[in-house]
PDB file of N, CA and C in Angstrom:
ATOM      1  N   MET A   1      93.593 104.744-227.347  1.00  0.00           N
ATOM      2  CA  MET A   1      93.978 105.935-226.619  1.00  0.00           C
ATOM      3  C   MET A   1      92.867 106.967-226.795  1.00  0.00           C
ATOM      4  N   ASP A   2      92.436 107.543-225.698  1.00  0.00           N
ATOM      5  CA  ASP A   2      91.393 108.561-225.788  1.00  0.00           C
ATOM      6  C   ASP A   2      91.997 109.937-226.087  1.00  0.00           C
ATOM      7  N   GLU A   3      91.133 110.919-226.291  1.00  0.00           N
ATOM      8  CA  GLU A   3      91.591 112.255-226.683  1.00  0.00           C
ATOM      9  C   GLU A   3      92.480 112.904-225.621  1.00  0.00           C
ATOM     10  N   GLU A   4      92.122 112.744-224.357  1.00  0.00           N
ATOM     11  CA  GLU A   4      92.914 113.327-223.278  1.00  0.00           C
ATOM     12  C   GLU A   4      94.323 112.732-223.243  1.00  0.00           C
ATOM     13  N   SER A   5      94.428 111.409-223.397  1.00  0.00           N
ATOM     14  CA  SER A   5      95.735 110.745-223.385  1.00  0.00           C
ATOM     15  C   SER A   5      96.578 111.179-224.581  1.00  0.00           C
ATOM     16  N   PHE A   6      95.935 111.416-225.712  1.00  0.00           N
ATOM     17  CA  PHE A   6      96.655 111.839-226.912  1.00  0.00           C
ATOM     18  C   PHE A   6      97.481 113.101-226.647  1.00  0.00           C
ATOM     19  N   TYR A   7      96.952 114.009-225.842  1.00  0.00           N
ATOM     20  CA  TYR A   7      97.650 115.262-225.566  1.00  0.00           C
ATOM     21  C   TYR A   7      98.681 115.148-224.446  1.00  0.00           C
ATOM     22  N   SER A   8      98.716 114.016-223.754  1.00  0.00           N
ATOM     23  CA  SER A   8      99.704 113.843-222.687  1.00  0.00           C
ATOM     24  C   SER A   8     100.881 112.966-223.116  1.00  0.00           C
ATOM     25  N   VAL A   9     100.881 112.544-224.357  1.00  0.00           N
ATOM     26  CA  VAL A   9     101.926 111.643-224.842  1.00  0.00           C
ATOM     27  C   VAL A   9     103.251 112.391-224.997  1.00  0.00           C
ATOM     28  N   CYS A  10     104.304 111.777-224.504  1.00  0.00           N
ATOM     29  CA  CYS A  10     105.663 112.288-224.673  1.00  0.00           C
ATOM     30  C   CYS A  10     106.241 111.620-225.931  1.00  0.00           C
ATOM     31  N   PRO A  11     106.906 112.356-226.807  1.00  0.00           N
ATOM     32  CA  PRO A  11     107.481 111.741-228.007  1.00  0.00           C
ATOM     33  C   PRO A  11     108.405 110.564-227.658  1.00  0.00           C
ATOM     34  N   GLU A  12     108.340 109.507-228.459  1.00  0.00           N
ATOM     35  CA  GLU A  12     109.073 108.282-228.162  1.00  0.00           C
ATOM     36  C   GLU A  12     110.583 108.503-228.039  1.00  0.00           C
ATOM     37  N   LYS A  13     111.158 109.315-228.891  1.00  0.00           N
ATOM     38  CA  LYS A  13     112.600 109.572-228.804  1.00  0.00           C
ATOM     39  C   LYS A  13     112.963 110.255-227.485  1.00  0.00           C
ATOM     40  N   LEU A  14     112.099 111.132-227.010  1.00  0.00           N
ATOM     41  CA  LEU A  14     112.346 111.803-225.741  1.00  0.00           C
ATOM     42  C   LEU A  14     112.216 110.818-224.573  1.00  0.00           C
ATOM     43  N   CYS A  15     111.240 109.915-224.634  1.00  0.00           N
ATOM     44  CA  CYS A  15     111.088 108.885-223.591  1.00  0.00           C
ATOM     45  C   CYS A  15     112.335 108.010-223.518  1.00  0.00           C
ATOM     46  N   ALA A  16     112.825 107.592-224.675  1.00  0.00           N
ATOM     47  CA  ALA A  16     114.021 106.745-224.711  1.00  0.00           C
ATOM     48  C   ALA A  16     115.228 107.490-224.161  1.00  0.00           C
ATOM     49  N   TYR A  17     115.369 108.761-224.504  1.00  0.00           N
ATOM     50  CA  TYR A  17     116.484 109.571-224.027  1.00  0.00           C
ATOM     51  C   TYR A  17     116.432 109.729-222.505  1.00  0.00           C
ATOM     52  N   MET A  18     115.248 110.023-221.980  1.00  0.00           N
ATOM     53  CA  MET A  18     115.123 110.214-220.529  1.00  0.00           C
ATOM     54  C   MET A  18     115.429 108.917-219.781  1.00  0.00           C
ATOM     55  N   ALA A  19     114.974 107.787-220.307  1.00  0.00           N
ATOM     56  CA  ALA A  19     115.268 106.501-219.663  1.00  0.00           C
ATOM     57  C   ALA A  19     116.772 106.227-219.684  1.00  0.00           C
ATOM     58  N   GLU A  20     117.426 106.577-220.772  1.00  0.00           N
ATOM     59  CA  GLU A  20     118.883 106.380-220.885  1.00  0.00           C
ATOM     60  C   GLU A  20     119.625 107.246-219.870  1.00  0.00           C
ATOM     61  N   GLN A  21     119.137 108.456-219.628  1.00  0.00           N
ATOM     62  CA  GLN A  21     119.784 109.376-218.700  1.00  0.00           C
ATOM     63  C   GLN A  21     119.674 108.930-217.250  1.00  0.00           C
ATOM     64  N   CYS A  22     118.736 108.048-216.961  1.00  0.00           N
ATOM     65  CA  CYS A  22     118.562 107.564-215.582  1.00  0.00           C
ATOM     66  C   CYS A  22     119.664 106.612-215.160  1.00  0.00           C
ATOM     67  N   GLY A  23     120.437 106.111-216.097  1.00  0.00           N
ATOM     68  CA  GLY A  23     121.505 105.183-215.748  1.00  0.00           C
ATOM     69  C   GLY A  23     120.948 103.844-215.324  1.00  0.00           C
ATOM     70  N   ARG A  24     121.628 103.183-214.414  1.00  0.00           N
ATOM     71  CA  ARG A  24     121.192 101.868-213.922  1.00  0.00           C
ATOM     72  C   ARG A  24     120.767 101.989-212.466  1.00  0.00           C
ATOM     73  N   VAL A  25     119.528 102.362-212.262  1.00  0.00           N
ATOM     74  CA  VAL A  25     119.002 102.470-210.906  1.00  0.00           C
ATOM     75  C   VAL A  25     118.168 101.230-210.595  1.00  0.00           C
ATOM     76  N   LYS A  26     117.876 101.015-209.318  1.00  0.00           N
ATOM     77  CA  LYS A  26     117.086  99.842-208.934  1.00  0.00           C
ATOM     78  C   LYS A  26     115.589 100.125-208.961  1.00  0.00           C
ATOM     79  N   VAL A  27     115.211 101.386-208.746  1.00  0.00           N
ATOM     80  CA  VAL A  27     113.798 101.758-208.745  1.00  0.00           C
ATOM     81  C   VAL A  27     113.631 103.075-209.494  1.00  0.00           C
ATOM     82  N   ALA A  28     112.657 103.110-210.405  1.00  0.00           N
ATOM     83  CA  ALA A  28     112.305 104.339-211.118  1.00  0.00           C
ATOM     84  C   ALA A  28     110.834 104.610-210.861  1.00  0.00           C
ATOM     85  N   VAL A  29     110.470 105.879-210.655  1.00  0.00           N
ATOM     86  CA  VAL A  29     109.090 106.249-210.366  1.00  0.00           C
ATOM     87  C   VAL A  29     108.626 107.296-211.369  1.00  0.00           C
ATOM     88  N   ASP A  30     107.451 107.048-211.956  1.00  0.00           N
ATOM     89  CA  ASP A  30     106.801 108.025-212.819  1.00  0.00           C
ATOM     90  C   ASP A  30     105.480 108.392-212.141  1.00  0.00           C
ATOM     91  N   PRO A  31     105.451 109.526-211.402  1.00  0.00           N
ATOM     92  CA  PRO A  31     104.269 109.854-210.609  1.00  0.00           C
ATOM     93  C   PRO A  31     103.048 110.291-211.430  1.00  0.00           C
ATOM     94  N   PHE A  32     103.257 110.661-212.677  1.00  0.00           N
ATOM     95  CA  PHE A  32     102.158 111.096-213.544  1.00  0.00           C
ATOM     96  C   PHE A  32     102.332 110.411-214.896  1.00  0.00           C
ATOM     97  N   CYS A  33     101.953 109.138-214.973  1.00  0.00           N
ATOM     98  CA  CYS A  33     102.340 108.345-216.146  1.00  0.00           C
ATOM     99  C   CYS A  33     101.570 108.684-217.415  1.00  0.00           C
ATOM    100  N   GLY A  34     100.425 109.319-217.331  1.00  0.00           N
ATOM    101  CA  GLY A  34      99.696 109.688-218.540  1.00  0.00           C
ATOM    102  C   GLY A  34      99.430 108.483-219.425  1.00  0.00           C
ATOM    103  N   ALA A  35      99.879 108.536-220.672  1.00  0.00           N
ATOM    104  CA  ALA A  35      99.664 107.435-221.614  1.00  0.00           C
ATOM    105  C   ALA A  35     100.666 106.301-221.409  1.00  0.00           C
ATOM    106  N   GLY A  36     101.717 106.512-220.622  1.00  0.00           N
ATOM    107  CA  GLY A  36     102.628 105.432-220.262  1.00  0.00           C
ATOM    108  C   GLY A  36     103.896 105.306-221.082  1.00  0.00           C
ATOM    109  N   GLY A  37     104.182 106.245-221.954  1.00  0.00           N
ATOM    110  CA  GLY A  37     105.383 106.160-222.797  1.00  0.00           C
ATOM    111  C   GLY A  37     106.672 106.095-221.993  1.00  0.00           C
ATOM    112  N   ASN A  38     106.792 106.924-220.983  1.00  0.00           N
ATOM    113  CA  ASN A  38     108.004 106.906-220.152  1.00  0.00           C
ATOM    114  C   ASN A  38     108.123 105.603-219.387  1.00  0.00           C
ATOM    115  N   VAL A  39     107.002 105.097-218.884  1.00  0.00           N
ATOM    116  CA  VAL A  39     107.001 103.843-218.132  1.00  0.00           C
ATOM    117  C   VAL A  39     107.494 102.698-219.017  1.00  0.00           C
ATOM    118  N   ILE A  40     107.036 102.650-220.240  1.00  0.00           N
ATOM    119  CA  ILE A  40     107.450 101.589-221.170  1.00  0.00           C
ATOM    120  C   ILE A  40     108.956 101.622-221.386  1.00  0.00           C
ATOM    121  N   HIS A  41     109.508 102.789-221.639  1.00  0.00           N
ATOM    122  CA  HIS A  41     110.947 102.893-221.887  1.00  0.00           C
ATOM    123  C   HIS A  41     111.768 102.633-220.634  1.00  0.00           C
ATOM    124  N   LEU A  42     111.276 103.070-219.484  1.00  0.00           N
ATOM    125  CA  LEU A  42     111.982 102.779-218.238  1.00  0.00           C
ATOM    126  C   LEU A  42     112.000 101.269-217.979  1.00  0.00           C
ATOM    127  N   ALA A  43     110.875 100.608-218.209  1.00  0.00           N
ATOM    128  CA  ALA A  43     110.809  99.158-217.988  1.00  0.00           C
ATOM    129  C   ALA A  43     111.735  98.413-218.937  1.00  0.00           C
ATOM    130  N   ARG A  44     111.832  98.858-220.160  1.00  0.00           N
ATOM    131  CA  ARG A  44     112.754  98.229-221.123  1.00  0.00           C
ATOM    132  C   ARG A  44     114.203  98.415-220.694  1.00  0.00           C
ATOM    133  N   ARG A  45     114.512  99.534-220.118  1.00  0.00           N
ATOM    134  CA  ARG A  45     115.883  99.872-219.731  1.00  0.00           C
ATOM    135  C   ARG A  45     116.328  99.125-218.474  1.00  0.00           C
ATOM    136  N   PHE A  46     115.430  98.992-217.506  1.00  0.00           N
ATOM    137  CA  PHE A  46     115.786  98.417-216.215  1.00  0.00           C
ATOM    138  C   PHE A  46     115.365  96.963-216.150  1.00  0.00           C
ATOM    139  N   ASP A  47     116.163  96.090-216.734  1.00  0.00           N
ATOM    140  CA  ASP A  47     115.802  94.678-216.803  1.00  0.00           C
ATOM    141  C   ASP A  47     115.776  94.006-215.433  1.00  0.00           C
ATOM    142  N   LYS A  48     116.508  94.520-214.457  1.00  0.00           N
ATOM    143  CA  LYS A  48     116.507  93.928-213.114  1.00  0.00           C
ATOM    144  C   LYS A  48     116.012  94.902-212.067  1.00  0.00           C
ATOM    145  N   GLY A  49     115.382  95.978-212.508  1.00  0.00           N
ATOM    146  CA  GLY A  49     114.882  96.979-211.578  1.00  0.00           C
ATOM    147  C   GLY A  49     113.367  96.982-211.520  1.00  0.00           C
ATOM    148  N   THR A  50     112.840  97.954-210.822  1.00  0.00           N
ATOM    149  CA  THR A  50     111.406  98.095-210.648  1.00  0.00           C
ATOM    150  C   THR A  50     110.977  99.466-211.139  1.00  0.00           C
ATOM    151  N   VAL A  51     109.880  99.507-211.890  1.00  0.00           N
ATOM    152  CA  VAL A  51     109.308 100.773-212.336  1.00  0.00           C
ATOM    153  C   VAL A  51     107.941 100.908-211.683  1.00  0.00           C
ATOM    154  N   ILE A  52     107.764 101.998-210.939  1.00  0.00           N
ATOM    155  CA  ILE A  52     106.504 102.270-210.255  1.00  0.00           C
ATOM    156  C   ILE A  52     105.865 103.471-210.939  1.00  0.00           C
ATOM    157  N   PHE A  53     104.565 103.362-211.209  1.00  0.00           N
ATOM    158  CA  PHE A  53     103.896 104.482-211.863  1.00  0.00           C
ATOM    159  C   PHE A  53     102.514 104.687-211.274  1.00  0.00           C
ATOM    160  N   PHE A  54     102.036 105.920-211.372  1.00  0.00           N
ATOM    161  CA  PHE A  54     100.734 106.293-210.835  1.00  0.00           C
ATOM    162  C   PHE A  54      99.952 107.029-211.914  1.00  0.00           C
ATOM    163  N   ALA A  55      98.646 106.825-211.917  1.00  0.00           N
ATOM    164  CA  ALA A  55      97.765 107.539-212.840  1.00  0.00           C
ATOM    165  C   ALA A  55      96.616 108.142-212.041  1.00  0.00           C
ATOM    166  N   LEU A  56      96.149 109.283-212.475  1.00  0.00           N
ATOM    167  CA  LEU A  56      95.041 109.928-211.788  1.00  0.00           C
ATOM    168  C   LEU A  56      93.722 109.198-212.043  1.00  0.00           C
ATOM    169  N   LYS A  57      93.609 108.573-213.208  1.00  0.00           N
ATOM    170  CA  LYS A  57      92.388 107.848-213.552  1.00  0.00           C
ATOM    171  C   LYS A  57      92.731 106.371-213.691  1.00  0.00           C
ATOM    172  N   ILE A  58      92.282 105.584-212.737  1.00  0.00           N
ATOM    173  CA  ILE A  58      92.657 104.169-212.680  1.00  0.00           C
ATOM    174  C   ILE A  58      92.183 103.397-213.907  1.00  0.00           C
ATOM    175  N   ASN A  59      91.104 103.811-214.531  1.00  0.00           N
ATOM    176  CA  ASN A  59      90.597 103.076-215.692  1.00  0.00           C
ATOM    177  C   ASN A  59      91.526 103.202-216.909  1.00  0.00           C
ATOM    178  N   LYS A  60      92.504 104.091-216.867  1.00  0.00           N
ATOM    179  CA  LYS A  60      93.451 104.238-217.977  1.00  0.00           C
ATOM    180  C   LYS A  60      94.760 103.496-217.705  1.00  0.00           C
ATOM    181  N   THR A  61      94.866 102.915-216.527  1.00  0.00           N
ATOM    182  CA  THR A  61      96.120 102.282-216.135  1.00  0.00           C
ATOM    183  C   THR A  61      96.057 100.778-216.348  1.00  0.00           C
ATOM    184  N   VAL A  62      97.106 100.255-216.938  1.00  0.00           N
ATOM    185  CA  VAL A  62      97.233  98.817-217.135  1.00  0.00           C
ATOM    186  C   VAL A  62      98.431  98.362-216.316  1.00  0.00           C
ATOM    187  N   PHE A  63      98.260  97.343-215.505  1.00  0.00           N
ATOM    188  CA  PHE A  63      99.342  96.839-214.681  1.00  0.00           C
ATOM    189  C   PHE A  63     100.028  95.710-215.431  1.00  0.00           C
ATOM    190  N   VAL A  64     101.325  95.818-215.600  1.00  0.00           N
ATOM    191  CA  VAL A  64     102.072  94.858-216.381  1.00  0.00           C
ATOM    192  C   VAL A  64     103.308  94.433-215.597  1.00  0.00           C
ATOM    193  N   GLU A  65     103.595  93.159-215.630  1.00  0.00           N
ATOM    194  CA  GLU A  65     104.824  92.655-215.055  1.00  0.00           C
ATOM    195  C   GLU A  65     105.703  92.191-216.205  1.00  0.00           C
ATOM    196  N   ILE A  66     106.880  92.750-216.310  1.00  0.00           N
ATOM    197  CA  ILE A  66     107.804  92.396-217.382  1.00  0.00           C
ATOM    198  C   ILE A  66     108.881  91.518-216.812  1.00  0.00           C
ATOM    199  N   LYS A  67     109.085  90.369-217.420  1.00  0.00           N
ATOM    200  CA  LYS A  67     110.114  89.427-216.932  1.00  0.00           C
ATOM    201  C   LYS A  67     111.224  89.323-217.934  1.00  0.00           C
TER     202      LYS A  67
END
């Protein structure tokens, strides 16, 4: 993680809480994924859904398919 990403990280407990509050939706979108903490928790929560995320700097984004 680079210095810029370090300052955009959302605390893990907050990421888990926000994902829990989303309920059971089919699609979740994180338009400013930063370091990806929210995306990770959303993907863990939505076992049969889709999580879409965007980053301003493509070199910091990792594309992952979770099965």
